[in-house]
Protein backbone atom coordinates (compact mmCIF):
# COMPACT_ATOMS: atom_id res chain seq x y z
CA UNK A 1 128.75 68.63 75.45
CA UNK A 2 128.04 70.87 78.44
CA UNK A 3 130.61 73.66 79.22
CA UNK A 4 132.08 73.17 82.62
CA UNK A 5 133.08 76.18 84.66
CA UNK A 6 134.76 77.05 88.05
CA UNK A 7 132.78 78.03 91.13
CA UNK A 8 133.35 81.73 90.47
CA UNK A 9 131.77 81.54 87.09
CA UNK A 10 128.91 79.42 88.59
CA UNK A 11 128.45 81.81 91.36
CA UNK A 12 128.15 84.77 88.82
CA UNK A 13 125.54 82.67 87.09
CA UNK A 14 123.30 82.10 90.09
CA UNK A 15 123.53 85.64 90.82
CA UNK A 16 122.04 86.33 87.32
CA UNK A 17 119.10 84.03 88.28
CA UNK A 18 120.39 80.89 86.66
CA UNK A 19 120.63 77.38 88.32
CA UNK A 20 123.95 75.36 88.67
CA UNK A 21 124.92 71.77 89.49
CA UNK A 22 128.24 69.70 89.79
CA UNK A 23 128.87 67.45 86.86
CA UNK A 24 129.77 64.44 89.25
CA UNK A 25 128.33 65.64 92.52
CA UNK A 26 129.25 63.15 95.24
CA UNK A 27 130.16 60.60 92.64
CA UNK A 28 126.62 59.89 91.66
CA UNK A 29 126.69 61.50 88.19
CA UNK A 30 123.65 63.52 88.81
CA UNK A 31 122.18 65.74 86.09
CA UNK A 32 119.45 68.26 86.00
CA UNK A 33 116.96 65.71 87.40
CA UNK A 34 119.36 65.72 90.42
CA UNK A 35 120.78 68.28 92.87
CA UNK A 36 120.33 71.95 91.55
CA UNK A 37 121.59 75.09 93.35
CA UNK A 38 119.99 78.56 92.93
CA UNK A 39 120.13 81.92 94.85
CA UNK A 40 116.93 82.71 96.82
CA UNK A 41 115.98 86.27 96.16
CA UNK A 42 115.87 88.82 99.03
CA UNK A 43 112.44 89.76 100.29
CA UNK A 44 110.56 90.97 103.16
CA UNK A 45 107.34 90.26 105.19
CA UNK A 46 105.24 92.95 106.81
CA UNK A 47 104.33 92.60 110.55
CA UNK A 48 100.68 91.71 109.70
CA UNK A 49 101.61 88.52 107.78
CA UNK A 50 104.17 87.10 110.40
CA UNK A 51 101.43 85.46 112.39
CA UNK A 52 99.99 83.58 109.42
CA UNK A 53 103.53 82.12 108.51
CA UNK A 54 103.09 78.40 109.11
CA UNK A 55 106.96 77.96 108.47
CA UNK A 56 107.66 79.86 111.65
CA UNK A 57 107.58 78.29 115.30
CA UNK A 58 104.95 80.03 117.39
CA UNK A 59 107.59 81.49 119.80
CA UNK A 60 109.62 82.89 116.85
CA UNK A 61 106.44 84.47 115.30
CA UNK A 62 105.45 86.06 118.74
CA UNK A 63 109.07 87.40 119.25
CA UNK A 64 109.25 88.92 115.77
CA UNK A 65 105.89 90.67 116.09
CA UNK A 66 106.92 92.05 119.43
CA UNK A 67 110.43 93.33 117.93
CA UNK A 68 108.85 95.17 115.08
CA UNK A 69 108.51 98.86 115.86
CA UNK A 70 105.11 100.48 115.31
CA UNK A 71 106.17 103.92 114.04
CA UNK A 72 103.16 105.86 115.11
CA UNK A 73 103.89 104.96 118.65
CA UNK A 74 107.43 105.65 118.37
CA UNK A 75 106.75 109.19 116.63
CA UNK A 76 104.38 110.05 119.57
CA UNK A 77 107.17 108.77 122.12
CA UNK A 78 109.59 111.31 120.44
CA UNK A 79 107.01 114.02 120.40
CA UNK A 80 106.35 113.86 124.10
CA UNK A 81 109.98 113.22 125.01
CA UNK A 82 109.79 109.65 126.43
CA UNK A 83 111.94 108.29 123.58
CA UNK A 84 115.26 109.91 122.49
CA UNK A 85 115.83 109.05 118.74
CA UNK A 86 116.54 111.17 115.81
CA UNK A 87 113.40 111.30 113.84
CA UNK A 88 115.52 110.68 110.68
CA UNK A 89 115.99 107.01 111.78
CA UNK A 90 112.31 106.24 111.71
CA UNK A 91 111.88 104.44 108.45
CA UNK A 92 109.86 101.44 107.04
CA UNK A 93 113.14 99.46 107.79
CA UNK A 94 111.90 98.62 111.32
CA UNK A 95 108.25 97.52 110.21
CA UNK A 96 109.16 94.33 108.48
CA UNK A 97 111.25 91.09 108.59
CA UNK A 98 113.84 90.89 105.85
CA UNK A 99 114.97 87.71 104.25
CA UNK A 100 118.46 88.08 102.76
CA UNK A 101 119.65 86.23 99.63
CA UNK A 102 120.94 82.83 100.32
CA UNK A 103 121.87 79.85 98.17
CA UNK A 104 119.52 76.91 98.28
CA UNK A 105 119.65 73.36 96.87
CA UNK A 106 116.96 71.35 95.27
CA UNK A 107 117.29 67.53 95.78
CA UNK A 108 116.02 64.65 93.58
CA UNK A 109 112.73 64.82 95.59
CA UNK A 110 112.32 68.49 94.99
CA UNK A 111 113.02 69.34 98.70
CA UNK A 112 114.59 72.87 98.93
CA UNK A 113 117.26 73.23 101.74
CA UNK A 114 119.65 76.04 102.63
CA UNK A 115 123.13 75.25 101.02
CA UNK A 116 126.71 76.20 101.72
CA UNK A 117 129.44 75.04 99.41
CA UNK A 118 132.15 72.92 100.75
CA UNK A 119 135.82 73.56 100.05
CA UNK A 120 135.86 70.87 97.33
CA UNK A 121 132.79 72.53 95.70
CA UNK A 122 134.53 75.94 95.70
CA UNK A 123 137.69 74.43 94.22
CA UNK A 124 135.93 72.25 91.51
CA UNK A 125 135.87 73.29 87.86
CA UNK A 126 133.08 70.87 86.94
CA UNK A 127 130.20 73.21 87.44
CA UNK A 128 127.50 73.38 85.07
CA UNK A 129 125.18 76.54 84.39
CA UNK A 130 121.76 75.54 83.38
CA UNK A 131 120.43 78.30 81.02
CA UNK A 132 116.78 77.46 81.05
């Protein structure tokens, strides 16, 4: 029989890279072939790759490309006095788009969607941690 845990233990498990599911999610009795939750790892994308990202609408892509600071231009602006930044703030943090960790759910058809637990999910003690 599978060990059932509370949401706190399930959350710890997904932070360790495991998948979780509810024993009787939505009363459907879904198992590992049904709904699964995992934590998407944080990552980043360099400016050059943004225009090739088909998942972004064109206007978003253009806006992100404009917002990313070109450090060589910024350094020149500081040197000639047209920009008033401390040189210590110039770092690669401004040259990419960052994706932060977020919970995702995989449905029965293998669609992956963003997921936020409901109050009943948080209070439930029928979470199962998949170890494989």
